[in-house]
Amino acid sequence: MAMRSFFKEIRSMKVTELPSYLKPMFTLGYVKRTLARGLDNYHAKYIETNSVDPLFHICFGGMAFSYLVALPEERRHLEHQQHAKQHAAASAAH
C-alpha cells in the first residue's frame, strides 16, 4: 500500500520536481526512521500476537539467501558444461 501511494504522489509531479521530492528520502536519518517504523510494525503484527509466521519468514528467507549465494557458482558450472558440450561436438565433427 505504501508503494501505491508513493507512485500516486510522484505520478502527479513534473520530472523537474522529482529530485527535490526524493532527495530527503535518501538521507541516513530517513532510512533509519523508516527501518525502525517497519520493525515496530513487524513486531506489533507478528511477535506480540505469538504468531508462528516469523519462523516461516526465517525459513523462506534462509532458502532465498542460500539460493542467491549459490547462484553465481551454479551459473559458472552451467556455462562450463555448455562450453564442454560445444567443444566435444566440434571435436567430433573433425
C-alpha atoms as a PDB file:
ATOM      1  CA  MET A   1       0.000   0.000   0.000  1.00  0.00           C
ATOM      2  CA  ALA A   2       2.835   2.406   0.749  1.00  0.00           C
ATOM      3  CA  MET A   3       4.282   1.901  -2.718  1.00  0.00           C
ATOM      4  CA  ARG A   4       0.914   2.583  -4.307  1.00  0.00           C
ATOM      5  CA  SER A   5       0.541   5.902  -2.501  1.00  0.00           C
ATOM      6  CA  PHE A   6       4.177   6.790  -3.292  1.00  0.00           C
ATOM      7  CA  PHE A   7       3.655   6.187  -7.010  1.00  0.00           C
ATOM      8  CA  LYS A   8       0.378   8.085  -6.892  1.00  0.00           C
ATOM      9  CA  GLU A   9       2.215  11.084  -5.430  1.00  0.00           C
ATOM     10  CA  ILE A  10       5.065  11.095  -7.930  1.00  0.00           C
ATOM     11  CA  ARG A  11       2.780  10.460 -10.890  1.00  0.00           C
ATOM     12  CA  SER A  12       1.246  13.888 -10.472  1.00  0.00           C
ATOM     13  CA  MET A  13       4.659  15.629 -10.324  1.00  0.00           C
ATOM     14  CA  LYS A  14       6.764  17.053 -13.087  1.00  0.00           C
ATOM     15  CA  VAL A  15      10.150  15.472 -13.767  1.00  0.00           C
ATOM     16  CA  THR A  16      11.939  18.609 -12.580  1.00  0.00           C
ATOM     17  CA  GLU A  17      10.177  18.366  -9.174  1.00  0.00           C
ATOM     18  CA  LEU A  18      11.214  14.752  -8.509  1.00  0.00           C
ATOM     19  CA  PRO A  19      14.805  15.326  -7.284  1.00  0.00           C
ATOM     20  CA  SER A  20      13.717  17.779  -4.596  1.00  0.00           C
ATOM     21  CA  TYR A  21      10.973  15.347  -3.510  1.00  0.00           C
ATOM     22  CA  LEU A  22      13.173  12.242  -3.497  1.00  0.00           C
ATOM     23  CA  LYS A  23      16.406  13.703  -2.080  1.00  0.00           C
ATOM     24  CA  PRO A  24      15.215  13.798   1.577  1.00  0.00           C
ATOM     25  CA  MET A  25      14.284  10.103   1.302  1.00  0.00           C
ATOM     26  CA  PHE A  26      17.925   9.126   0.748  1.00  0.00           C
ATOM     27  CA  THR A  27      19.280  10.574   3.974  1.00  0.00           C
ATOM     28  CA  LEU A  28      20.585   8.322   6.726  1.00  0.00           C
ATOM     29  CA  GLY A  29      18.096   9.659   9.245  1.00  0.00           C
ATOM     30  CA  TYR A  30      15.116   8.982   6.982  1.00  0.00           C
ATOM     31  CA  VAL A  31      16.293   5.442   6.268  1.00  0.00           C
ATOM     32  CA  LYS A  32      16.814   4.779   9.994  1.00  0.00           C
ATOM     33  CA  ARG A  33      13.348   6.092  10.872  1.00  0.00           C
ATOM     34  CA  THR A  34      11.734   4.058   8.084  1.00  0.00           C
ATOM     35  CA  LEU A  35      13.532   0.881   9.165  1.00  0.00           C
ATOM     36  CA  ALA A  36      12.601   1.457  12.805  1.00  0.00           C
ATOM     37  CA  ARG A  37       8.960   2.038  11.879  1.00  0.00           C
ATOM     38  CA  GLY A  38       8.943  -1.123   9.754  1.00  0.00           C
ATOM     39  CA  LEU A  39      10.467  -3.197  12.553  1.00  0.00           C
ATOM     40  CA  ASP A  40       7.967  -1.776  15.036  1.00  0.00           C
ATOM     41  CA  ASN A  41       5.099  -2.670  12.708  1.00  0.00           C
ATOM     42  CA  TYR A  42       6.508  -6.199  12.226  1.00  0.00           C
ATOM     43  CA  HIS A  43       6.891  -6.639  15.978  1.00  0.00           C
ATOM     44  CA  ALA A  44       3.338  -5.487  16.610  1.00  0.00           C
ATOM     45  CA  LYS A  45       1.900  -7.677  13.866  1.00  0.00           C
ATOM     46  CA  TYR A  46       3.787 -10.940  14.424  1.00  0.00           C
ATOM     47  CA  ILE A  47       5.788 -11.026  17.656  1.00  0.00           C
ATOM     48  CA  GLU A  48       3.222  -9.614  20.081  1.00  0.00           C
ATOM     49  CA  THR A  49       0.496 -11.863  18.683  1.00  0.00           C
ATOM     50  CA  ASN A  50       2.577 -15.038  19.261  1.00  0.00           C
ATOM     51  CA  SER A  51       2.289 -15.896  15.580  1.00  0.00           C
ATOM     52  CA  VAL A  52       4.314 -18.703  14.021  1.00  0.00           C
ATOM     53  CA  ASP A  53       4.835 -16.625  10.860  1.00  0.00           C
ATOM     54  CA  PRO A  54       8.286 -15.275  11.874  1.00  0.00           C
ATOM     55  CA  LEU A  55       9.566 -18.855  11.834  1.00  0.00           C
ATOM     56  CA  PHE A  56       8.287 -19.245   8.274  1.00  0.00           C
ATOM     57  CA  HIS A  57       9.847 -15.903   7.336  1.00  0.00           C
ATOM     58  CA  ILE A  58      13.237 -17.084   8.625  1.00  0.00           C
ATOM     59  CA  CYS A  59      12.953 -20.422   6.797  1.00  0.00           C
ATOM     60  CA  PHE A  60      11.942 -18.927   3.459  1.00  0.00           C
ATOM     61  CA  GLY A  61      14.399 -16.054   3.827  1.00  0.00           C
ATOM     62  CA  GLY A  62      17.197 -18.530   4.525  1.00  0.00           C
ATOM     63  CA  MET A  63      16.272 -20.575   1.474  1.00  0.00           C
ATOM     64  CA  ALA A  64      16.189 -17.477  -0.746  1.00  0.00           C
ATOM     65  CA  PHE A  65      19.524 -16.266   0.648  1.00  0.00           C
ATOM     66  CA  SER A  66      21.116 -19.684   0.123  1.00  0.00           C
ATOM     67  CA  TYR A  67      19.860 -19.792  -3.449  1.00  0.00           C
ATOM     68  CA  LEU A  68      21.220 -16.323  -4.196  1.00  0.00           C
ATOM     69  CA  VAL A  69      24.611 -17.172  -2.693  1.00  0.00           C
ATOM     70  CA  ALA A  70      24.891 -20.392  -4.732  1.00  0.00           C
ATOM     71  CA  LEU A  71      23.609 -18.852  -7.975  1.00  0.00           C
ATOM     72  CA  PRO A  72      26.923 -17.456  -9.349  1.00  0.00           C
ATOM     73  CA  GLU A  73      28.719 -20.782  -8.883  1.00  0.00           C
ATOM     74  CA  GLU A  74      25.807 -22.643 -10.447  1.00  0.00           C
ATOM     75  CA  ARG A  75      25.857 -20.317 -13.459  1.00  0.00           C
ATOM     76  CA  ARG A  76      29.616 -20.837 -13.893  1.00  0.00           C
ATOM     77  CA  HIS A  77      29.073 -24.585 -13.750  1.00  0.00           C
ATOM     78  CA  LEU A  78      26.340 -24.462 -16.384  1.00  0.00           C
ATOM     79  CA  GLU A  79      28.433 -22.235 -18.679  1.00  0.00           C
ATOM     80  CA  HIS A  80      31.391 -24.603 -18.347  1.00  0.00           C
ATOM     81  CA  GLN A  81      29.158 -27.580 -19.065  1.00  0.00           C
ATOM     82  CA  GLN A  82      27.749 -25.880 -22.170  1.00  0.00           C
ATOM     83  CA  HIS A  83      31.236 -24.923 -23.363  1.00  0.00           C
ATOM     84  CA  ALA A  84      32.440 -28.513 -22.894  1.00  0.00           C
ATOM     85  CA  LYS A  85      29.459 -29.810 -24.853  1.00  0.00           C
ATOM     86  CA  GLN A  86      30.171 -27.406 -27.726  1.00  0.00           C
ATOM     87  CA  HIS A  87      33.858 -28.280 -27.669  1.00  0.00           C
ATOM     88  CA  ALA A  88      33.071 -32.016 -27.756  1.00  0.00           C
ATOM     89  CA  ALA A  89      30.694 -31.509 -30.698  1.00  0.00           C
ATOM     90  CA  ALA A  90      33.329 -29.501 -32.580  1.00  0.00           C
ATOM     91  CA  SER A  91      35.978 -32.154 -31.917  1.00  0.00           C
ATOM     92  CA  ALA A  92      33.660 -34.942 -33.089  1.00  0.00           C
ATOM     93  CA  ALA A  93      32.998 -33.087 -36.361  1.00  0.00           C
ATOM     94  CA  HIS A  94      36.702 -33.111 -37.295  1.00  0.00           C
END
